[in-house]
Amino acid sequence: MSFAHWLRSNSERYLAIDAQRRVGARYGARAPQKARGAREIFWRHVFTPVYRLLPWGIRRRVIAILPGSHRRDWPIRSGRPRGPAV
């Protein structure tokens, strides 16, 4: 697994847990389990709050820098298409 893929999978997981915690606190639902171990403490108490504080422009630049961590645009073709479409 590449670093970018690992980072994306972990950040998605812990950002989702944080979103569930915030929505649950708003509507009185049960909170997620407490963080266990240094890894979970880092992701839930350091990474997630720092990520939420970053302005969108900085987040977008970081996402664009990491290869494979975001959806790529279609390549730009030069010239007109040739031949029939079907």
N, C-alpha and C. Protein backbone atom coordinates (compact mmCIF):
# COMPACT_ATOMS: atom_id res chain seq x y z
N MET A 1 0.85 -1.16 0.00
CA MET A 1 0.00 0.00 0.00
C MET A 1 0.90 1.23 0.00
N SER A 2 0.61 2.16 -0.90
CA SER A 2 1.43 3.37 -0.97
C SER A 2 1.11 4.30 0.20
N PHE A 3 2.02 5.23 0.44
CA PHE A 3 1.83 6.18 1.53
C PHE A 3 0.56 7.01 1.33
N ALA A 4 0.33 7.48 0.11
CA ALA A 4 -0.85 8.30 -0.17
C ALA A 4 -2.13 7.52 0.09
N HIS A 5 -2.16 6.25 -0.31
CA HIS A 5 -3.34 5.42 -0.08
C HIS A 5 -3.55 5.18 1.41
N TRP A 6 -2.49 4.90 2.12
CA TRP A 6 -2.57 4.69 3.57
C TRP A 6 -3.07 5.95 4.26
N LEU A 7 -2.53 7.11 3.89
CA LEU A 7 -2.94 8.37 4.48
C LEU A 7 -4.41 8.65 4.21
N ARG A 8 -4.84 8.41 2.98
CA ARG A 8 -6.24 8.66 2.64
C ARG A 8 -7.18 7.74 3.41
N SER A 9 -6.86 6.46 3.48
CA SER A 9 -7.75 5.53 4.17
C SER A 9 -7.86 5.86 5.66
N ASN A 10 -6.74 6.19 6.29
CA ASN A 10 -6.78 6.54 7.70
C ASN A 10 -7.51 7.86 7.94
N SER A 11 -7.22 8.86 7.11
CA SER A 11 -7.87 10.15 7.32
C SER A 11 -9.37 10.04 7.08
N GLU A 12 -9.81 9.30 6.06
CA GLU A 12 -11.24 9.11 5.83
C GLU A 12 -11.91 8.45 7.04
N ARG A 13 -11.26 7.44 7.56
CA ARG A 13 -11.84 6.71 8.70
C ARG A 13 -12.01 7.62 9.92
N TYR A 14 -10.95 8.32 10.28
CA TYR A 14 -11.00 9.10 11.50
C TYR A 14 -11.78 10.41 11.33
N LEU A 15 -11.83 10.96 10.13
CA LEU A 15 -12.70 12.12 9.89
C LEU A 15 -14.17 11.70 9.95
N ALA A 16 -14.49 10.49 9.49
CA ALA A 16 -15.86 9.98 9.59
C ALA A 16 -16.25 9.76 11.04
N ILE A 17 -15.34 9.22 11.83
CA ILE A 17 -15.62 9.02 13.26
C ILE A 17 -15.87 10.36 13.94
N ASP A 18 -15.07 11.37 13.59
CA ASP A 18 -15.27 12.70 14.17
C ASP A 18 -16.60 13.30 13.74
N ALA A 19 -16.98 13.11 12.49
CA ALA A 19 -18.27 13.62 12.02
C ALA A 19 -19.42 12.93 12.76
N GLN A 20 -19.30 11.62 12.97
CA GLN A 20 -20.33 10.90 13.73
C GLN A 20 -20.40 11.41 15.16
N ARG A 21 -19.26 11.71 15.74
CA ARG A 21 -19.24 12.23 17.11
C ARG A 21 -19.94 13.58 17.18
N ARG A 22 -19.64 14.48 16.22
CA ARG A 22 -20.24 15.81 16.24
C ARG A 22 -21.74 15.76 15.99
N VAL A 23 -22.18 14.95 15.03
CA VAL A 23 -23.61 14.83 14.75
C VAL A 23 -24.31 14.16 15.94
N GLY A 24 -23.69 13.15 16.50
CA GLY A 24 -24.27 12.49 17.66
C GLY A 24 -24.41 13.41 18.85
N ALA A 25 -23.43 14.28 19.07
CA ALA A 25 -23.51 15.24 20.17
C ALA A 25 -24.65 16.22 19.94
N ARG A 26 -24.88 16.59 18.70
CA ARG A 26 -25.95 17.54 18.38
C ARG A 26 -27.32 16.93 18.63
N TYR A 27 -27.49 15.65 18.30
CA TYR A 27 -28.80 15.02 18.38
C TYR A 27 -28.94 14.03 19.53
N GLY A 28 -27.98 14.00 20.42
CA GLY A 28 -28.09 13.18 21.62
C GLY A 28 -27.86 11.69 21.41
N ALA A 29 -27.13 11.33 20.39
CA ALA A 29 -26.85 9.91 20.15
C ALA A 29 -25.63 9.47 20.95
N ARG A 30 -25.41 8.19 20.95
CA ARG A 30 -24.27 7.62 21.65
C ARG A 30 -22.97 8.04 20.98
N ALA A 31 -21.97 8.35 21.77
CA ALA A 31 -20.66 8.76 21.25
C ALA A 31 -19.86 7.52 20.84
N PRO A 32 -18.93 7.68 19.86
CA PRO A 32 -18.05 6.55 19.52
C PRO A 32 -17.18 6.16 20.71
N GLN A 33 -16.61 4.97 20.64
CA GLN A 33 -15.74 4.52 21.72
C GLN A 33 -14.55 5.46 21.86
N LYS A 34 -14.02 5.50 23.07
CA LYS A 34 -12.85 6.34 23.32
C LYS A 34 -11.64 5.81 22.56
N ALA A 35 -10.72 6.72 22.24
CA ALA A 35 -9.51 6.34 21.51
C ALA A 35 -8.65 5.43 22.38
N ARG A 36 -8.16 4.36 21.74
CA ARG A 36 -7.29 3.41 22.44
C ARG A 36 -5.95 3.39 21.73
N GLY A 37 -4.91 3.57 22.44
CA GLY A 37 -3.57 3.49 21.87
C GLY A 37 -3.11 4.81 21.27
N ALA A 38 -1.81 4.90 21.08
CA ALA A 38 -1.20 6.14 20.59
C ALA A 38 -1.66 6.48 19.18
N ARG A 39 -1.84 5.46 18.33
CA ARG A 39 -2.26 5.70 16.96
C ARG A 39 -3.63 6.38 16.91
N GLU A 40 -4.60 5.81 17.60
CA GLU A 40 -5.94 6.40 17.61
C GLU A 40 -5.95 7.76 18.28
N ILE A 41 -5.18 7.93 19.33
CA ILE A 41 -5.12 9.24 19.99
C ILE A 41 -4.59 10.29 19.03
N PHE A 42 -3.53 9.95 18.26
CA PHE A 42 -3.00 10.90 17.29
C PHE A 42 -4.06 11.27 16.25
N TRP A 43 -4.66 10.25 15.62
CA TRP A 43 -5.61 10.53 14.53
C TRP A 43 -6.84 11.27 15.02
N ARG A 44 -7.35 10.93 16.20
CA ARG A 44 -8.60 11.53 16.66
C ARG A 44 -8.42 12.83 17.42
N HIS A 45 -7.27 13.02 18.07
CA HIS A 45 -7.11 14.21 18.91
C HIS A 45 -6.08 15.21 18.37
N VAL A 46 -5.31 14.81 17.36
CA VAL A 46 -4.34 15.73 16.76
C VAL A 46 -4.69 15.98 15.29
N PHE A 47 -4.72 14.93 14.48
CA PHE A 47 -4.94 15.09 13.05
C PHE A 47 -6.30 15.69 12.74
N THR A 48 -7.36 15.11 13.28
CA THR A 48 -8.71 15.56 12.95
C THR A 48 -8.96 17.02 13.31
N PRO A 49 -8.63 17.48 14.52
CA PRO A 49 -8.85 18.90 14.82
C PRO A 49 -7.99 19.83 13.95
N VAL A 50 -6.75 19.44 13.68
CA VAL A 50 -5.89 20.28 12.84
C VAL A 50 -6.45 20.34 11.42
N TYR A 51 -6.90 19.22 10.89
CA TYR A 51 -7.47 19.18 9.54
C TYR A 51 -8.71 20.07 9.45
N ARG A 52 -9.55 20.03 10.46
CA ARG A 52 -10.76 20.84 10.44
C ARG A 52 -10.46 22.33 10.54
N LEU A 53 -9.32 22.71 11.13
CA LEU A 53 -8.95 24.12 11.25
C LEU A 53 -8.32 24.68 9.97
N LEU A 54 -7.80 23.79 9.10
CA LEU A 54 -7.15 24.26 7.88
C LEU A 54 -8.17 24.88 6.92
N PRO A 55 -7.82 26.02 6.32
CA PRO A 55 -8.70 26.59 5.30
C PRO A 55 -8.76 25.68 4.07
N TRP A 56 -9.86 25.77 3.32
CA TRP A 56 -10.07 24.89 2.19
C TRP A 56 -8.96 25.00 1.15
N GLY A 57 -8.42 26.20 0.92
CA GLY A 57 -7.36 26.37 -0.07
C GLY A 57 -6.13 25.54 0.26
N ILE A 58 -5.76 25.47 1.51
CA ILE A 58 -4.60 24.67 1.92
C ILE A 58 -4.92 23.18 1.79
N ARG A 59 -6.11 22.78 2.19
CA ARG A 59 -6.50 21.37 2.04
C ARG A 59 -6.44 20.95 0.58
N ARG A 60 -6.95 21.80 -0.30
CA ARG A 60 -6.98 21.48 -1.73
C ARG A 60 -5.56 21.31 -2.28
N ARG A 61 -4.63 22.18 -1.86
CA ARG A 61 -3.25 22.07 -2.33
C ARG A 61 -2.60 20.77 -1.85
N VAL A 62 -2.84 20.42 -0.60
CA VAL A 62 -2.27 19.17 -0.05
C VAL A 62 -2.82 17.98 -0.81
N ILE A 63 -4.12 17.97 -1.08
CA ILE A 63 -4.73 16.87 -1.82
C ILE A 63 -4.14 16.77 -3.21
N ALA A 64 -3.91 17.92 -3.86
CA ALA A 64 -3.36 17.91 -5.22
C ALA A 64 -1.91 17.42 -5.25
N ILE A 65 -1.16 17.65 -4.19
CA ILE A 65 0.24 17.24 -4.14
C ILE A 65 0.38 15.73 -3.99
N LEU A 66 -0.48 15.11 -3.19
CA LEU A 66 -0.36 13.68 -2.91
C LEU A 66 -0.82 12.86 -4.12
N PRO A 67 0.03 12.05 -4.69
CA PRO A 67 -0.37 11.26 -5.86
C PRO A 67 -1.33 10.14 -5.49
N GLY A 68 -2.35 9.99 -6.29
CA GLY A 68 -3.29 8.89 -6.08
C GLY A 68 -4.26 9.10 -4.94
N SER A 69 -4.24 10.24 -4.29
CA SER A 69 -5.14 10.44 -3.16
C SER A 69 -6.39 11.21 -3.54
N HIS A 70 -6.57 11.49 -4.80
CA HIS A 70 -7.74 12.24 -5.24
C HIS A 70 -8.09 11.84 -6.67
N ARG A 71 -9.24 12.29 -7.11
CA ARG A 71 -9.70 11.98 -8.46
C ARG A 71 -8.97 12.84 -9.47
N ARG A 72 -8.45 12.23 -10.49
CA ARG A 72 -7.73 12.95 -11.54
C ARG A 72 -8.70 13.38 -12.64
N ASP A 73 -8.37 14.49 -13.31
CA ASP A 73 -9.14 14.93 -14.46
C ASP A 73 -8.79 14.08 -15.67
N TRP A 74 -9.69 14.07 -16.64
CA TRP A 74 -9.41 13.38 -17.89
C TRP A 74 -8.29 14.11 -18.60
N PRO A 75 -7.43 13.39 -19.32
CA PRO A 75 -6.35 14.07 -20.05
C PRO A 75 -6.93 14.92 -21.18
N ILE A 76 -6.29 16.04 -21.45
CA ILE A 76 -6.73 16.93 -22.51
C ILE A 76 -6.21 16.38 -23.84
N ARG A 77 -7.12 16.18 -24.78
CA ARG A 77 -6.73 15.66 -26.08
C ARG A 77 -6.42 16.82 -27.01
N SER A 78 -5.45 16.62 -27.83
CA SER A 78 -5.13 17.66 -28.81
C SER A 78 -5.82 17.32 -30.12
N GLY A 79 -6.33 18.33 -30.79
CA GLY A 79 -6.96 18.11 -32.09
C GLY A 79 -8.39 17.65 -31.99
N ARG A 80 -8.99 17.47 -33.13
CA ARG A 80 -10.39 17.04 -33.21
C ARG A 80 -10.45 15.52 -33.25
N PRO A 81 -11.53 14.95 -32.78
CA PRO A 81 -11.67 13.50 -32.87
C PRO A 81 -11.80 13.06 -34.33
N ARG A 82 -11.26 11.89 -34.62
CA ARG A 82 -11.30 11.37 -35.98
C ARG A 82 -12.20 10.15 -36.04
N GLY A 83 -12.88 9.99 -37.14
CA GLY A 83 -13.70 8.80 -37.36
C GLY A 83 -15.06 8.89 -36.71
N PRO A 84 -15.87 7.88 -36.93
CA PRO A 84 -17.21 7.88 -36.34
C PRO A 84 -17.15 7.60 -34.83
N ALA A 85 -18.17 8.07 -34.14
CA ALA A 85 -18.23 7.88 -32.69
C ALA A 85 -18.64 6.47 -32.32
N VAL A 86 -19.30 5.80 -33.22
CA VAL A 86 -19.79 4.45 -32.92
C VAL A 86 -19.05 3.43 -33.73
